[in-house]
PDB file of N, CA and C in Angstrom:
ATOM      1  N   MET A   1      54.314   8.344 -17.710  1.00  0.00           N
ATOM      2  CA  MET A   1      53.227   8.652 -16.811  1.00  0.00           C
ATOM      3  C   MET A   1      53.799   9.004 -15.438  1.00  0.00           C
ATOM      4  N   ARG A   2      53.265  10.039 -14.848  1.00  0.00           N
ATOM      5  CA  ARG A   2      53.695  10.477 -13.519  1.00  0.00           C
ATOM      6  C   ARG A   2      52.621  10.101 -12.504  1.00  0.00           C
ATOM      7  N   LEU A   3      53.050   9.500 -11.379  1.00  0.00           N
ATOM      8  CA  LEU A   3      52.127   9.059 -10.340  1.00  0.00           C
ATOM      9  C   LEU A   3      52.405   9.770  -9.025  1.00  0.00           C
ATOM     10  N   ARG A   4      51.351   9.935  -8.248  1.00  0.00           N
ATOM     11  CA  ARG A   4      51.459  10.477  -6.894  1.00  0.00           C
ATOM     12  C   ARG A   4      51.085   9.363  -5.920  1.00  0.00           C
ATOM     13  N   LEU A   5      51.954   9.140  -4.953  1.00  0.00           N
ATOM     14  CA  LEU A   5      51.782   8.122  -3.925  1.00  0.00           C
ATOM     15  C   LEU A   5      51.478   8.803  -2.599  1.00  0.00           C
ATOM     16  N   GLU A   6      50.425   8.360  -1.926  1.00  0.00           N
ATOM     17  CA  GLU A   6      50.133   8.800  -0.564  1.00  0.00           C
ATOM     18  C   GLU A   6      50.033   7.541   0.285  1.00  0.00           C
ATOM     19  N   PHE A   7      50.637   7.562   1.474  1.00  0.00           N
ATOM     20  CA  PHE A   7      50.600   6.367   2.307  1.00  0.00           C
ATOM     21  C   PHE A   7      50.737   6.717   3.781  1.00  0.00           C
ATOM     22  N   SER A   8      50.272   5.801   4.611  1.00  0.00           N
ATOM     23  CA  SER A   8      50.487   5.890   6.054  1.00  0.00           C
ATOM     24  C   SER A   8      50.703   4.478   6.573  1.00  0.00           C
ATOM     25  N   THR A   9      51.443   4.379   7.665  1.00  0.00           N
ATOM     26  CA  THR A   9      51.694   3.094   8.297  1.00  0.00           C
ATOM     27  C   THR A   9      51.177   3.154   9.728  1.00  0.00           C
ATOM     28  N   GLU A  10      50.749   2.019  10.234  1.00  0.00           N
ATOM     29  CA  GLU A  10      50.261   1.928  11.606  1.00  0.00           C
ATOM     30  C   GLU A  10      50.924   0.742  12.280  1.00  0.00           C
ATOM     31  N   PRO A  11      51.009   0.722  13.591  1.00  0.00           N
ATOM     32  CA  PRO A  11      50.377   1.632  14.539  1.00  0.00           C
ATOM     33  C   PRO A  11      51.131   2.957  14.651  1.00  0.00           C
ATOM     34  N   PHE A  12      50.368   4.009  14.966  1.00  0.00           N
ATOM     35  CA  PHE A  12      50.953   5.325  15.184  1.00  0.00           C
ATOM     36  C   PHE A  12      51.618   5.359  16.554  1.00  0.00           C
ATOM     37  N   ASP A  13      52.638   6.176  16.679  1.00  0.00           N
ATOM     38  CA  ASP A  13      53.297   6.427  17.964  1.00  0.00           C
ATOM     39  C   ASP A  13      53.511   7.924  18.047  1.00  0.00           C
ATOM     40  N   LEU A  14      52.801   8.576  18.950  1.00  0.00           N
ATOM     41  CA  LEU A  14      52.889  10.030  19.051  1.00  0.00           C
ATOM     42  C   LEU A  14      54.187  10.491  19.699  1.00  0.00           C
ATOM     43  N   GLY A  15      54.889   9.597  20.395  1.00  0.00           N
ATOM     44  CA  GLY A  15      56.137   9.969  21.053  1.00  0.00           C
ATOM     45  C   GLY A  15      57.305  10.093  20.088  1.00  0.00           C
ATOM     46  N   GLU A  16      57.456   9.125  19.216  1.00  0.00           N
ATOM     47  CA  GLU A  16      58.534   9.142  18.222  1.00  0.00           C
ATOM     48  C   GLU A  16      58.138   8.249  17.056  1.00  0.00           C
ATOM     49  N   ALA A  17      58.815   8.429  15.951  1.00  0.00           N
ATOM     50  CA  ALA A  17      58.492   7.635  14.759  1.00  0.00           C
ATOM     51  C   ALA A  17      58.857   6.171  14.998  1.00  0.00           C
ATOM     52  N   PRO A  18      57.900   5.262  14.815  1.00  0.00           N
ATOM     53  CA  PRO A  18      58.197   3.838  14.991  1.00  0.00           C
ATOM     54  C   PRO A  18      59.074   3.316  13.851  1.00  0.00           C
ATOM     55  N   PRO A  19      59.715   2.174  14.062  1.00  0.00           N
ATOM     56  CA  PRO A  19      60.620   1.631  13.044  1.00  0.00           C
ATOM     57  C   PRO A  19      59.969   1.478  11.666  1.00  0.00           C
ATOM     58  N   HIS A  20      58.722   1.038  11.605  1.00  0.00           N
ATOM     59  CA  HIS A  20      58.084   0.844  10.299  1.00  0.00           C
ATOM     60  C   HIS A  20      57.900   2.165   9.562  1.00  0.00           C
ATOM     61  N   ALA A  21      57.680   3.262  10.286  1.00  0.00           N
ATOM     62  CA  ALA A  21      57.548   4.576   9.642  1.00  0.00           C
ATOM     63  C   ALA A  21      58.899   5.049   9.110  1.00  0.00           C
ATOM     64  N   LEU A  22      59.952   4.810   9.874  1.00  0.00           N
ATOM     65  CA  LEU A  22      61.296   5.194   9.428  1.00  0.00           C
ATOM     66  C   LEU A  22      61.696   4.409   8.179  1.00  0.00           C
ATOM     67  N   VAL A  23      61.372   3.126   8.163  1.00  0.00           N
ATOM     68  CA  VAL A  23      61.679   2.294   6.998  1.00  0.00           C
ATOM     69  C   VAL A  23      60.904   2.788   5.779  1.00  0.00           C
ATOM     70  N   ALA A  24      59.643   3.147   5.966  1.00  0.00           N
ATOM     71  CA  ALA A  24      58.831   3.640   4.845  1.00  0.00           C
ATOM     72  C   ALA A  24      59.437   4.910   4.257  1.00  0.00           C
ATOM     73  N   ARG A  25      59.863   5.819   5.108  1.00  0.00           N
ATOM     74  CA  ARG A  25      60.511   7.046   4.627  1.00  0.00           C
ATOM     75  C   ARG A  25      61.804   6.723   3.885  1.00  0.00           C
ATOM     76  N   GLU A  26      62.539   5.756   4.404  1.00  0.00           N
ATOM     77  CA  GLU A  26      63.791   5.337   3.769  1.00  0.00           C
ATOM     78  C   GLU A  26      63.530   4.786   2.366  1.00  0.00           C
ATOM     79  N   VAL A  27      62.497   3.987   2.224  1.00  0.00           N
ATOM     80  CA  VAL A  27      62.151   3.413   0.918  1.00  0.00           C
ATOM     81  C   VAL A  27      61.878   4.519  -0.092  1.00  0.00           C
ATOM     82  N   VAL A  28      61.103   5.524   0.317  1.00  0.00           N
ATOM     83  CA  VAL A  28      60.777   6.629  -0.587  1.00  0.00           C
ATOM     84  C   VAL A  28      62.047   7.384  -0.973  1.00  0.00           C
ATOM     85  N   GLY A  29      62.934   7.601  -0.011  1.00  0.00           N
ATOM     86  CA  GLY A  29      64.193   8.287  -0.304  1.00  0.00           C
ATOM     87  C   GLY A  29      65.064   7.498  -1.264  1.00  0.00           C
ATOM     88  N   GLU A  30      65.155   6.195  -1.047  1.00  0.00           N
ATOM     89  CA  GLU A  30      65.968   5.342  -1.911  1.00  0.00           C
ATOM     90  C   GLU A  30      65.402   5.251  -3.324  1.00  0.00           C
ATOM     91  N   ALA A  31      64.092   5.405  -3.461  1.00  0.00           N
ATOM     92  CA  ALA A  31      63.448   5.294  -4.773  1.00  0.00           C
ATOM     93  C   ALA A  31      63.677   6.529  -5.630  1.00  0.00           C
ATOM     94  N   GLY A  32      64.201   7.592  -5.031  1.00  0.00           N
ATOM     95  CA  GLY A  32      64.459   8.812  -5.786  1.00  0.00           C
ATOM     96  C   GLY A  32      63.197   9.544  -6.202  1.00  0.00           C
ATOM     97  N   LEU A  33      62.118   9.367  -5.434  1.00  0.00           N
ATOM     98  CA  LEU A  33      60.871  10.055  -5.757  1.00  0.00           C
ATOM     99  C   LEU A  33      60.990  11.535  -5.431  1.00  0.00           C
ATOM    100  N   GLU A  34      60.111  12.323  -6.033  1.00  0.00           N
ATOM    101  CA  GLU A  34      60.157  13.779  -5.890  1.00  0.00           C
ATOM    102  C   GLU A  34      58.935  14.270  -5.129  1.00  0.00           C
ATOM    103  N   ALA A  35      58.926  15.576  -4.829  1.00  0.00           N
ATOM    104  CA  ALA A  35      57.808  16.228  -4.145  1.00  0.00           C
ATOM    105  C   ALA A  35      57.433  15.457  -2.885  1.00  0.00           C
ATOM    106  N   VAL A  36      58.448  15.007  -2.154  1.00  0.00           N
ATOM    107  CA  VAL A  36      58.219  14.213  -0.950  1.00  0.00           C
ATOM    108  C   VAL A  36      57.714  15.121   0.164  1.00  0.00           C
ATOM    109  N   GLU A  37      56.604  14.719   0.770  1.00  0.00           N
ATOM    110  CA  GLU A  37      56.054  15.415   1.923  1.00  0.00           C
ATOM    111  C   GLU A  37      55.906  14.397   3.041  1.00  0.00           C
ATOM    112  N   VAL A  38      56.483  14.703   4.201  1.00  0.00           N
ATOM    113  CA  VAL A  38      56.435  13.806   5.345  1.00  0.00           C
ATOM    114  C   VAL A  38      55.604  14.474   6.426  1.00  0.00           C
ATOM    115  N   GLY A  39      54.597  13.764   6.916  1.00  0.00           N
ATOM    116  CA  GLY A  39      53.749  14.288   7.980  1.00  0.00           C
ATOM    117  C   GLY A  39      53.645  13.286   9.112  1.00  0.00           C
ATOM    118  N   PRO A  40      53.047  13.684  10.224  1.00  0.00           N
ATOM    119  CA  PRO A  40      52.968  12.782  11.372  1.00  0.00           C
ATOM    120  C   PRO A  40      52.058  11.573  11.136  1.00  0.00           C
ATOM    121  N   PHE A  41      51.082  11.698  10.240  1.00  0.00           N
ATOM    122  CA  PHE A  41      50.145  10.598  10.011  1.00  0.00           C
ATOM    123  C   PHE A  41      50.069  10.142   8.562  1.00  0.00           C
ATOM    124  N   GLY A  42      50.847  10.751   7.690  1.00  0.00           N
ATOM    125  CA  GLY A  42      50.829  10.344   6.296  1.00  0.00           C
ATOM    126  C   GLY A  42      51.933  11.008   5.515  1.00  0.00           C
ATOM    127  N   HIS A  43      52.276  10.403   4.410  1.00  0.00           N
ATOM    128  CA  HIS A  43      53.376  10.879   3.584  1.00  0.00           C
ATOM    129  C   HIS A  43      52.948  10.830   2.123  1.00  0.00           C
ATOM    130  N   SER A  44      53.614  11.616   1.293  1.00  0.00           N
ATOM    131  CA  SER A  44      53.323  11.575  -0.134  1.00  0.00           C
ATOM    132  C   SER A  44      54.595  11.824  -0.926  1.00  0.00           C
ATOM    133  N   ALA A  45      54.569  11.389  -2.169  1.00  0.00           N
ATOM    134  CA  ALA A  45      55.699  11.581  -3.074  1.00  0.00           C
ATOM    135  C   ALA A  45      55.199  11.381  -4.495  1.00  0.00           C
ATOM    136  N   GLU A  46      55.974  11.867  -5.453  1.00  0.00           N
ATOM    137  CA  GLU A  46      55.634  11.715  -6.863  1.00  0.00           C
ATOM    138  C   GLU A  46      56.835  11.184  -7.624  1.00  0.00           C
ATOM    139  N   GLY A  47      56.549  10.561  -8.746  1.00  0.00           N
ATOM    140  CA  GLY A  47      57.625  10.079  -9.591  1.00  0.00           C
ATOM    141  C   GLY A  47      57.071   9.376 -10.812  1.00  0.00           C
ATOM    142  N   GLY A  48      57.976   8.843 -11.594  1.00  0.00           N
ATOM    143  CA  GLY A  48      57.586   8.085 -12.772  1.00  0.00           C
ATOM    144  C   GLY A  48      56.866   6.804 -12.382  1.00  0.00           C
ATOM    145  N   ARG A  49      56.092   6.287 -13.315  1.00  0.00           N
ATOM    146  CA  ARG A  49      55.260   5.105 -13.072  1.00  0.00           C
ATOM    147  C   ARG A  49      56.042   3.944 -12.465  1.00  0.00           C
ATOM    148  N   ASP A  50      57.121   3.537 -13.115  1.00  0.00           N
ATOM    149  CA  ASP A  50      57.878   2.382 -12.647  1.00  0.00           C
ATOM    150  C   ASP A  50      58.498   2.625 -11.278  1.00  0.00           C
ATOM    151  N   ALA A  51      59.023   3.822 -11.048  1.00  0.00           N
ATOM    152  CA  ALA A  51      59.651   4.134  -9.763  1.00  0.00           C
ATOM    153  C   ALA A  51      58.634   4.076  -8.630  1.00  0.00           C
ATOM    154  N   VAL A  52      57.433   4.608  -8.850  1.00  0.00           N
ATOM    155  CA  VAL A  52      56.405   4.592  -7.804  1.00  0.00           C
ATOM    156  C   VAL A  52      55.926   3.166  -7.549  1.00  0.00           C
ATOM    157  N   ILE A  53      55.684   2.408  -8.601  1.00  0.00           N
ATOM    158  CA  ILE A  53      55.211   1.029  -8.423  1.00  0.00           C
ATOM    159  C   ILE A  53      56.250   0.187  -7.687  1.00  0.00           C
ATOM    160  N   GLU A  54      57.512   0.334  -8.025  1.00  0.00           N
ATOM    161  CA  GLU A  54      58.571  -0.395  -7.318  1.00  0.00           C
ATOM    162  C   GLU A  54      58.668   0.066  -5.870  1.00  0.00           C
ATOM    163  N   ALA A  55      58.503   1.367  -5.627  1.00  0.00           N
ATOM    164  CA  ALA A  55      58.554   1.893  -4.262  1.00  0.00           C
ATOM    165  C   ALA A  55      57.410   1.326  -3.422  1.00  0.00           C
ATOM    166  N   VAL A  56      56.213   1.216  -3.997  1.00  0.00           N
ATOM    167  CA  VAL A  56      55.075   0.645  -3.265  1.00  0.00           C
ATOM    168  C   VAL A  56      55.371  -0.805  -2.889  1.00  0.00           C
ATOM    169  N   HIS A  57      55.905  -1.566  -3.806  1.00  0.00           N
ATOM    170  CA  HIS A  57      56.265  -2.964  -3.529  1.00  0.00           C
ATOM    171  C   HIS A  57      57.253  -3.038  -2.362  1.00  0.00           C
ATOM    172  N   ASP A  58      58.321  -2.257  -2.439  1.00  0.00           N
ATOM    173  CA  ASP A  58      59.331  -2.257  -1.377  1.00  0.00           C
ATOM    174  C   ASP A  58      58.758  -1.739  -0.065  1.00  0.00           C
ATOM    175  N   LEU A  59      57.933  -0.701  -0.146  1.00  0.00           N
ATOM    176  CA  LEU A  59      57.319  -0.115   1.043  1.00  0.00           C
ATOM    177  C   LEU A  59      56.482  -1.152   1.787  1.00  0.00           C
ATOM    178  N   LEU A  60      55.628  -1.859   1.077  1.00  0.00           N
ATOM    179  CA  LEU A  60      54.778  -2.860   1.723  1.00  0.00           C
ATOM    180  C   LEU A  60      55.612  -3.957   2.377  1.00  0.00           C
ATOM    181  N   ARG A  61      56.542  -4.495   1.644  1.00  0.00           N
ATOM    182  CA  ARG A  61      57.360  -5.596   2.171  1.00  0.00           C
ATOM    183  C   ARG A  61      58.186  -5.154   3.386  1.00  0.00           C
ATOM    184  N   ARG A  62      58.898  -4.057   3.245  1.00  0.00           N
ATOM    185  CA  ARG A  62      59.825  -3.642   4.303  1.00  0.00           C
ATOM    186  C   ARG A  62      59.116  -3.065   5.523  1.00  0.00           C
ATOM    187  N   ALA A  63      58.015  -2.335   5.326  1.00  0.00           N
ATOM    188  CA  ALA A  63      57.300  -1.771   6.479  1.00  0.00           C
ATOM    189  C   ALA A  63      56.632  -2.878   7.296  1.00  0.00           C
ATOM    190  N   PHE A  64      56.038  -3.875   6.634  1.00  0.00           N
ATOM    191  CA  PHE A  64      55.470  -4.994   7.387  1.00  0.00           C
ATOM    192  C   PHE A  64      56.568  -5.758   8.119  1.00  0.00           C
ATOM    193  N   ASP A  65      57.713  -5.950   7.471  1.00  0.00           N
ATOM    194  CA  ASP A  65      58.840  -6.620   8.125  1.00  0.00           C
ATOM    195  C   ASP A  65      59.324  -5.844   9.344  1.00  0.00           C
ATOM    196  N   ALA A  66      59.131  -4.513   9.336  1.00  0.00           N
ATOM    197  CA  ALA A  66      59.590  -3.661  10.441  1.00  0.00           C
ATOM    198  C   ALA A  66      58.515  -3.449  11.506  1.00  0.00           C
ATOM    199  N   GLY A  67      57.383  -4.152  11.396  1.00  0.00           N
ATOM    200  CA  GLY A  67      56.393  -4.094  12.464  1.00  0.00           C
ATOM    201  C   GLY A  67      55.086  -3.389  12.157  1.00  0.00           C
ATOM    202  N   ALA A  68      54.897  -2.910  10.949  1.00  0.00           N
ATOM    203  CA  ALA A  68      53.616  -2.278  10.615  1.00  0.00           C
ATOM    204  C   ALA A  68      52.505  -3.324  10.699  1.00  0.00           C
ATOM    205  N   THR A  69      51.342  -2.898  11.201  1.00  0.00           N
ATOM    206  CA  THR A  69      50.182  -3.780  11.251  1.00  0.00           C
ATOM    207  C   THR A  69      49.153  -3.403  10.194  1.00  0.00           C
ATOM    208  N   ARG A  70      49.285  -2.197   9.661  1.00  0.00           N
ATOM    209  CA  ARG A  70      48.382  -1.720   8.608  1.00  0.00           C
ATOM    210  C   ARG A  70      49.111  -0.672   7.783  1.00  0.00           C
ATOM    211  N   ILE A  71      48.950  -0.740   6.475  1.00  0.00           N
ATOM    212  CA  ILE A  71      49.524   0.262   5.576  1.00  0.00           C
ATOM    213  C   ILE A  71      48.418   0.690   4.615  1.00  0.00           C
ATOM    214  N   SER A  72      48.137   1.976   4.604  1.00  0.00           N
ATOM    215  CA  SER A  72      47.148   2.524   3.678  1.00  0.00           C
ATOM    216  C   SER A  72      47.892   3.187   2.532  1.00  0.00           C
ATOM    217  N   VAL A  73      47.511   2.853   1.307  1.00  0.00           N
ATOM    218  CA  VAL A  73      48.201   3.361   0.122  1.00  0.00           C
ATOM    219  C   VAL A  73      47.169   3.877  -0.879  1.00  0.00           C
ATOM    220  N   GLN A  74      47.462   5.024  -1.443  1.00  0.00           N
ATOM    221  CA  GLN A  74      46.662   5.548  -2.556  1.00  0.00           C
ATOM    222  C   GLN A  74      47.632   6.018  -3.625  1.00  0.00           C
ATOM    223  N   VAL A  75      47.389   5.609  -4.858  1.00  0.00           N
ATOM    224  CA  VAL A  75      48.225   6.020  -5.983  1.00  0.00           C
ATOM    225  C   VAL A  75      47.305   6.578  -7.060  1.00  0.00           C
ATOM    226  N   GLU A  76      47.667   7.746  -7.578  1.00  0.00           N
ATOM    227  CA  GLU A  76      46.875   8.343  -8.654  1.00  0.00           C
ATOM    228  C   GLU A  76      47.793   8.887  -9.732  1.00  0.00           C
ATOM    229  N   SER A  77      47.275   8.927 -10.928  1.00  0.00           N
ATOM    230  CA  SER A  77      48.009   9.500 -12.043  1.00  0.00           C
ATOM    231  C   SER A  77      47.893  11.008 -11.978  1.00  0.00           C
ATOM    232  N   VAL A  78      49.020  11.671 -11.881  1.00  0.00           N
ATOM    233  CA  VAL A  78      49.029  13.131 -11.860  1.00  0.00           C
ATOM    234  C   VAL A  78      48.735  13.653 -13.258  1.00  0.00           C
ATOM    235  N   ASP A  79      49.153  12.927 -14.274  1.00  0.00           N
ATOM    236  CA  ASP A  79      48.935  13.338 -15.660  1.00  0.00           C
ATOM    237  C   ASP A  79      47.458  13.391 -16.020  1.00  0.00           C
ATOM    238  N   ALA A  80      46.648  12.546 -15.394  1.00  0.00           N
ATOM    239  CA  ALA A  80      45.244  12.435 -15.773  1.00  0.00           C
ATOM    240  C   ALA A  80      44.321  13.328 -14.954  1.00  0.00           C
ATOM    241  N   VAL A  81      44.878  14.125 -14.054  1.00  0.00           N
ATOM    242  CA  VAL A  81      44.043  14.978 -13.216  1.00  0.00           C
ATOM    243  C   VAL A  81      43.366  16.032 -14.081  1.00  0.00           C
ATOM    244  N   ASP A  82      42.057  16.168 -13.929  1.00  0.00           N
ATOM    245  CA  ASP A  82      41.278  17.137 -14.704  1.00  0.00           C
ATOM    246  C   ASP A  82      41.477  18.527 -14.120  1.00  0.00           C
ATOM    247  N   THR A  83      41.942  19.460 -14.923  1.00  0.00           N
ATOM    248  CA  THR A  83      42.162  20.832 -14.458  1.00  0.00           C
ATOM    249  C   THR A  83      40.982  21.724 -14.801  1.00  0.00           C
ATOM    250  N   GLY A  84      39.882  21.145 -15.244  1.00  0.00           N
ATOM    251  CA  GLY A  84      38.719  21.951 -15.597  1.00  0.00           C
ATOM    252  C   GLY A  84      38.803  22.397 -17.038  1.00  0.00           C
ATOM    253  N   SER A  85      38.194  23.533 -17.327  1.00  0.00           N
ATOM    254  CA  SER A  85      38.124  24.003 -18.706  1.00  0.00           C
ATOM    255  C   SER A  85      39.348  24.791 -19.127  1.00  0.00           C
ATOM    256  N   ARG A  86      40.266  25.046 -18.210  1.00  0.00           N
ATOM    257  CA  ARG A  86      41.451  25.820 -18.557  1.00  0.00           C
ATOM    258  C   ARG A  86      42.699  25.005 -18.237  1.00  0.00           C
ATOM    259  N   PRO A  87      43.764  25.246 -18.966  1.00  0.00           N
ATOM    260  CA  PRO A  87      45.033  24.587 -18.621  1.00  0.00           C
ATOM    261  C   PRO A  87      45.599  25.233 -17.364  1.00  0.00           C
ATOM    262  N   PRO A  88      46.478  24.530 -16.635  1.00  0.00           N
ATOM    263  CA  PRO A  88      47.082  25.132 -15.449  1.00  0.00           C
ATOM    264  C   PRO A  88      47.905  26.358 -15.821  1.00  0.00           C
ATOM    265  N   ALA A  89      47.896  27.352 -14.949  1.00  0.00           N
ATOM    266  CA  ALA A  89      48.697  28.562 -15.157  1.00  0.00           C
ATOM    267  C   ALA A  89      50.165  28.226 -14.970  1.00  0.00           C
ATOM    268  N   ASP A  90      51.047  29.091 -15.463  1.00  0.00           N
ATOM    269  CA  ASP A  90      52.484  28.881 -15.289  1.00  0.00           C
ATOM    270  C   ASP A  90      52.794  28.681 -13.812  1.00  0.00           C
ATOM    271  N   GLY A  91      53.512  27.628 -13.516  1.00  0.00           N
ATOM    272  CA  GLY A  91      53.914  27.341 -12.149  1.00  0.00           C
ATOM    273  C   GLY A  91      52.830  26.672 -11.318  1.00  0.00           C
ATOM    274  N   GLU A  92      51.612  26.567 -11.822  1.00  0.00           N
ATOM    275  CA  GLU A  92      50.525  25.929 -11.092  1.00  0.00           C
ATOM    276  C   GLU A  92      50.577  24.437 -11.336  1.00  0.00           C
ATOM    277  N   ARG A  93      50.469  23.683 -10.272  1.00  0.00           N
ATOM    278  CA  ARG A  93      50.494  22.238 -10.367  1.00  0.00           C
ATOM    279  C   ARG A  93      49.070  21.714 -10.528  1.00  0.00           C
ATOM    280  N   PRO A  94      48.810  20.865 -11.515  1.00  0.00           N
ATOM    281  CA  PRO A  94      47.460  20.305 -11.656  1.00  0.00           C
ATOM    282  C   PRO A  94      47.074  19.529 -10.414  1.00  0.00           C
ATOM    283  N   ARG A  95      45.860  19.581 -10.021  1.00  0.00           N
ATOM    284  CA  ARG A  95      45.347  18.840  -8.857  1.00  0.00           C
ATOM    285  C   ARG A  95      44.155  18.046  -9.248  1.00  0.00           C
TER     286      ARG A  95
END
């Protein structure tokens, strides 16, 4: 099963990335997740079920230890996404 992880850490700092945000990015990198997207207010990545679940565990523990006061997490199965009545076209990613 393939999962997509979306997360954000707070408090935000518009001047530079706070330590908890840097740690969260580090966790995702260490987990070997794919399709990593890093944004100013949220991040996402994809990977196998076990890798994503372990990354979420590490992310929560390490980001709170680094000063996060709130962490928002959403995980969804990419495999179960309904593509409608047609299969995805070549190169098209199901959404």
